[in-house]
Each structure stands twice: as structure tokens, then as C-alpha cells.
């Protein structure tokens, strides 16, 4: 809480401001980040985070990590199509 002193020497208690909403999750960016950081373990890390969210009752977070896990597997482990260079 924030206490503000006004000019007439009265203290006014202001309720805390709501937190700003974070940017929406970009599934591709999150998947690429996991791939860069964890390499072949990227799916394991995403699955562990999915389980952590599920265990704590965060259904939205669990759903998002499931999407990130699927996308990381698609990007990292799928067969390449076409020329690489």
C-alpha cells in the first residue's frame, strides 16, 4: 500500500495499482529460447515446467508450456526440408 501525505496533513492510503499485464506469450520465441539454452534437453525442460504448473494448479501456464513443448519438438527434432544453406 502507498501512503500519500496531502497538503492538509491528512494521510490517504491508496490501494496498490494492479500489475501490468505481461506481453502475450510468443510460442515460437519461447521454443527457440529453450532450444538455444538446453539443446536436445529442451523438450524435457518444457515438460518439467508443464508439470510444475500442473502441480501448482496453474492451468493456463500448463497449457502454454504444453504448446511451447510441442513447438520446440517440431522445430528441433523434425526432419529438415529443403536446402539448409
N, C-alpha and C. Protein backbone atom coordinates (compact mmCIF):
# COMPACT_ATOMS: atom_id res chain seq x y z
N UNK A 1 0.84 -1.18 0.00
CA UNK A 1 0.00 0.00 0.00
C UNK A 1 0.88 1.24 0.00
N UNK A 2 0.34 2.28 -0.53
CA UNK A 2 1.06 3.53 -0.63
C UNK A 2 0.35 4.56 0.24
N UNK A 3 1.11 5.25 1.07
CA UNK A 3 0.53 6.31 1.90
C UNK A 3 0.98 7.64 1.32
N UNK A 4 0.04 8.49 1.08
CA UNK A 4 0.34 9.80 0.50
C UNK A 4 -0.07 10.88 1.49
N UNK A 5 0.81 11.82 1.74
CA UNK A 5 0.51 12.93 2.63
C UNK A 5 0.01 14.10 1.79
N UNK A 6 -1.19 14.55 2.10
CA UNK A 6 -1.75 15.68 1.36
C UNK A 6 -1.37 16.98 2.06
N UNK A 7 -1.65 18.08 1.39
CA UNK A 7 -1.24 19.39 1.91
C UNK A 7 -1.91 19.74 3.24
N UNK A 8 -3.07 19.18 3.52
CA UNK A 8 -3.74 19.49 4.78
C UNK A 8 -3.33 18.53 5.89
N UNK A 9 -2.19 17.85 5.71
CA UNK A 9 -1.60 16.95 6.68
C UNK A 9 -2.44 15.71 6.97
N UNK A 10 -3.28 15.32 6.06
CA UNK A 10 -4.03 14.08 6.20
C UNK A 10 -3.33 13.00 5.40
N UNK A 11 -3.26 11.84 5.96
CA UNK A 11 -2.66 10.72 5.25
C UNK A 11 -3.77 9.97 4.53
N UNK A 12 -3.55 9.74 3.27
CA UNK A 12 -4.50 9.00 2.45
C UNK A 12 -3.83 7.70 2.03
N UNK A 13 -4.50 6.60 2.30
CA UNK A 13 -3.95 5.31 1.92
C UNK A 13 -4.53 4.94 0.56
N UNK A 14 -3.63 4.73 -0.37
CA UNK A 14 -4.05 4.35 -1.72
C UNK A 14 -3.85 2.85 -1.89
N UNK A 15 -4.80 2.17 -2.49
CA UNK A 15 -4.60 0.73 -2.75
C UNK A 15 -3.52 0.54 -3.80
N UNK A 16 -2.85 -0.59 -3.77
CA UNK A 16 -1.81 -0.82 -4.78
C UNK A 16 -2.42 -0.88 -6.17
N UNK A 17 -1.65 -0.40 -7.13
CA UNK A 17 -2.10 -0.42 -8.52
C UNK A 17 -1.99 -1.85 -9.06
N UNK A 18 -2.93 -2.24 -9.91
CA UNK A 18 -2.83 -3.59 -10.47
C UNK A 18 -1.58 -3.72 -11.32
N UNK A 19 -0.98 -4.89 -11.27
CA UNK A 19 0.24 -5.13 -12.04
C UNK A 19 -0.08 -5.06 -13.53
N UNK A 20 0.87 -4.55 -14.26
CA UNK A 20 0.69 -4.51 -15.71
C UNK A 20 0.66 -5.93 -16.26
N UNK A 21 -0.18 -6.14 -17.21
CA UNK A 21 -0.27 -7.45 -17.83
C UNK A 21 1.01 -7.70 -18.64
N UNK A 22 1.61 -8.86 -18.48
CA UNK A 22 2.81 -9.13 -19.28
C UNK A 22 2.44 -9.29 -20.74
N UNK A 23 3.46 -9.19 -21.58
CA UNK A 23 3.23 -9.39 -23.00
C UNK A 23 2.69 -10.80 -23.23
N UNK A 24 1.86 -10.96 -24.25
CA UNK A 24 1.38 -12.32 -24.52
C UNK A 24 2.55 -13.23 -24.90
N UNK A 25 2.44 -14.47 -24.52
CA UNK A 25 3.50 -15.43 -24.77
C UNK A 25 3.63 -15.69 -26.27
N UNK A 26 4.83 -15.57 -26.75
CA UNK A 26 5.12 -15.90 -28.13
C UNK A 26 5.71 -17.32 -28.12
N UNK A 27 4.92 -18.27 -28.59
CA UNK A 27 5.29 -19.68 -28.51
C UNK A 27 6.60 -19.95 -29.25
N UNK A 28 6.75 -19.38 -30.43
CA UNK A 28 7.97 -19.61 -31.21
C UNK A 28 9.21 -19.07 -30.51
N UNK A 29 9.11 -17.88 -29.95
CA UNK A 29 10.26 -17.30 -29.25
C UNK A 29 10.64 -18.13 -28.04
N UNK A 30 9.64 -18.58 -27.30
CA UNK A 30 9.92 -19.40 -26.12
C UNK A 30 10.56 -20.73 -26.53
N UNK A 31 10.05 -21.33 -27.60
CA UNK A 31 10.62 -22.60 -28.07
C UNK A 31 12.05 -22.41 -28.53
N UNK A 32 12.33 -21.36 -29.30
CA UNK A 32 13.70 -21.12 -29.76
C UNK A 32 14.63 -20.83 -28.59
N UNK A 33 14.14 -20.12 -27.59
CA UNK A 33 14.96 -19.85 -26.41
C UNK A 33 15.34 -21.15 -25.71
N UNK A 34 14.38 -22.05 -25.54
CA UNK A 34 14.68 -23.33 -24.91
C UNK A 34 15.67 -24.13 -25.74
N UNK A 35 15.52 -24.10 -27.05
CA UNK A 35 16.43 -24.83 -27.93
C UNK A 35 17.85 -24.28 -27.80
N UNK A 36 17.97 -22.95 -27.81
CA UNK A 36 19.31 -22.33 -27.70
C UNK A 36 19.95 -22.64 -26.34
N UNK A 37 19.15 -22.61 -25.28
CA UNK A 37 19.71 -22.79 -23.94
C UNK A 37 19.96 -24.26 -23.59
N UNK A 38 19.06 -25.14 -23.98
CA UNK A 38 19.10 -26.52 -23.50
C UNK A 38 19.36 -27.55 -24.58
N UNK A 39 19.37 -27.16 -25.84
CA UNK A 39 19.66 -28.09 -26.92
C UNK A 39 18.70 -29.27 -26.94
N UNK A 40 19.25 -30.49 -26.93
CA UNK A 40 18.42 -31.68 -27.02
C UNK A 40 17.54 -31.89 -25.78
N UNK A 41 17.83 -31.21 -24.69
CA UNK A 41 17.02 -31.32 -23.48
C UNK A 41 15.87 -30.32 -23.43
N UNK A 42 15.65 -29.58 -24.51
CA UNK A 42 14.63 -28.53 -24.50
C UNK A 42 13.23 -29.08 -24.20
N UNK A 43 12.89 -30.24 -24.75
CA UNK A 43 11.57 -30.82 -24.51
C UNK A 43 11.43 -31.27 -23.05
N UNK A 44 12.51 -31.79 -22.47
CA UNK A 44 12.48 -32.20 -21.07
C UNK A 44 12.23 -31.00 -20.15
N UNK A 45 12.91 -29.89 -20.45
CA UNK A 45 12.76 -28.68 -19.63
C UNK A 45 11.34 -28.14 -19.75
N UNK A 46 10.81 -28.09 -20.96
CA UNK A 46 9.44 -27.60 -21.14
C UNK A 46 8.44 -28.52 -20.45
N UNK A 47 8.67 -29.83 -20.52
CA UNK A 47 7.76 -30.78 -19.87
C UNK A 47 7.82 -30.62 -18.35
N UNK A 48 9.02 -30.41 -17.81
CA UNK A 48 9.15 -30.21 -16.36
C UNK A 48 8.40 -28.94 -15.92
N UNK A 49 8.49 -27.89 -16.71
CA UNK A 49 7.77 -26.66 -16.38
C UNK A 49 6.26 -26.86 -16.51
N UNK A 50 5.85 -27.67 -17.50
CA UNK A 50 4.44 -28.03 -17.64
C UNK A 50 3.96 -28.76 -16.38
N UNK A 51 4.75 -29.73 -15.91
CA UNK A 51 4.39 -30.47 -14.70
C UNK A 51 4.34 -29.57 -13.47
N UNK A 52 5.29 -28.64 -13.37
CA UNK A 52 5.29 -27.70 -12.24
C UNK A 52 4.02 -26.86 -12.22
N UNK A 53 3.60 -26.39 -13.38
CA UNK A 53 2.37 -25.59 -13.46
C UNK A 53 1.15 -26.45 -13.13
N UNK A 54 1.14 -27.67 -13.65
CA UNK A 54 0.01 -28.56 -13.38
C UNK A 54 -0.08 -28.86 -11.89
N UNK A 55 1.05 -29.13 -11.26
CA UNK A 55 1.08 -29.44 -9.83
C UNK A 55 0.65 -28.28 -8.95
N UNK A 56 0.91 -27.07 -9.41
CA UNK A 56 0.54 -25.90 -8.61
C UNK A 56 -0.85 -25.37 -8.95
N UNK A 57 -1.53 -26.03 -9.89
CA UNK A 57 -2.89 -25.63 -10.22
C UNK A 57 -3.00 -24.50 -11.23
N UNK A 58 -1.91 -24.19 -11.89
CA UNK A 58 -1.90 -23.13 -12.90
C UNK A 58 -2.22 -23.74 -14.26
N UNK A 59 -3.51 -23.85 -14.57
CA UNK A 59 -3.92 -24.49 -15.82
C UNK A 59 -3.53 -23.70 -17.05
N UNK A 60 -3.56 -22.38 -16.96
CA UNK A 60 -3.18 -21.53 -18.10
C UNK A 60 -1.70 -21.70 -18.40
N UNK A 61 -0.88 -21.65 -17.36
CA UNK A 61 0.55 -21.83 -17.55
C UNK A 61 0.88 -23.21 -18.08
N UNK A 62 0.18 -24.23 -17.58
CA UNK A 62 0.40 -25.59 -18.05
C UNK A 62 0.07 -25.71 -19.54
N UNK A 63 -1.02 -25.10 -19.93
CA UNK A 63 -1.41 -25.14 -21.35
C UNK A 63 -0.36 -24.45 -22.22
N UNK A 64 0.14 -23.30 -21.76
CA UNK A 64 1.15 -22.57 -22.54
C UNK A 64 2.44 -23.36 -22.64
N UNK A 65 2.87 -24.00 -21.55
CA UNK A 65 4.10 -24.78 -21.61
C UNK A 65 3.92 -26.02 -22.48
N UNK A 66 2.72 -26.55 -22.52
CA UNK A 66 2.46 -27.69 -23.41
C UNK A 66 2.61 -27.26 -24.87
N UNK A 67 2.11 -26.06 -25.20
CA UNK A 67 2.27 -25.54 -26.56
C UNK A 67 3.74 -25.29 -26.89
N UNK A 68 4.48 -24.74 -25.93
CA UNK A 68 5.91 -24.48 -26.14
C UNK A 68 6.65 -25.80 -26.34
N UNK A 69 6.30 -26.81 -25.55
CA UNK A 69 6.95 -28.10 -25.67
C UNK A 69 6.72 -28.70 -27.06
N UNK A 70 5.48 -28.66 -27.53
CA UNK A 70 5.17 -29.20 -28.85
C UNK A 70 5.93 -28.45 -29.94
N UNK A 71 5.99 -27.14 -29.82
CA UNK A 71 6.67 -26.33 -30.84
C UNK A 71 8.17 -26.57 -30.82
N UNK A 72 8.76 -26.72 -29.63
CA UNK A 72 10.19 -26.99 -29.53
C UNK A 72 10.53 -28.33 -30.18
N UNK A 73 9.68 -29.32 -29.97
CA UNK A 73 9.91 -30.62 -30.60
C UNK A 73 9.80 -30.49 -32.11
N UNK A 74 8.81 -29.75 -32.60
CA UNK A 74 8.66 -29.55 -34.04
C UNK A 74 9.89 -28.85 -34.64
N UNK A 75 10.36 -27.82 -33.98
CA UNK A 75 11.47 -27.04 -34.52
C UNK A 75 12.81 -27.77 -34.42
N UNK A 76 13.04 -28.44 -33.30
CA UNK A 76 14.37 -29.00 -33.05
C UNK A 76 14.54 -30.43 -33.58
N UNK A 77 13.51 -31.23 -33.50
CA UNK A 77 13.67 -32.64 -33.80
C UNK A 77 13.08 -33.08 -35.14
N UNK A 78 12.35 -32.21 -35.79
CA UNK A 78 11.75 -32.62 -37.06
C UNK A 78 12.81 -32.65 -38.17
N UNK A 79 12.53 -33.43 -39.19
CA UNK A 79 13.44 -33.54 -40.31
C UNK A 79 13.43 -32.24 -41.10
N UNK A 80 14.62 -31.79 -41.49
CA UNK A 80 14.72 -30.54 -42.24
C UNK A 80 14.21 -30.74 -43.66
N UNK A 81 13.53 -29.73 -44.17
CA UNK A 81 13.02 -29.78 -45.55
C UNK A 81 13.80 -28.76 -46.38
N UNK A 82 14.16 -29.15 -47.56
CA UNK A 82 14.85 -28.22 -48.45
C UNK A 82 16.32 -28.05 -48.09
N UNK A 83 16.93 -27.11 -48.75
CA UNK A 83 18.35 -26.84 -48.53
C UNK A 83 18.54 -26.06 -47.24
N UNK A 84 19.63 -26.35 -46.55
CA UNK A 84 19.95 -25.63 -45.33
C UNK A 84 20.69 -24.34 -45.61
N UNK A 85 21.47 -24.32 -46.69
CA UNK A 85 22.25 -23.12 -47.00
C UNK A 85 22.06 -22.73 -48.44
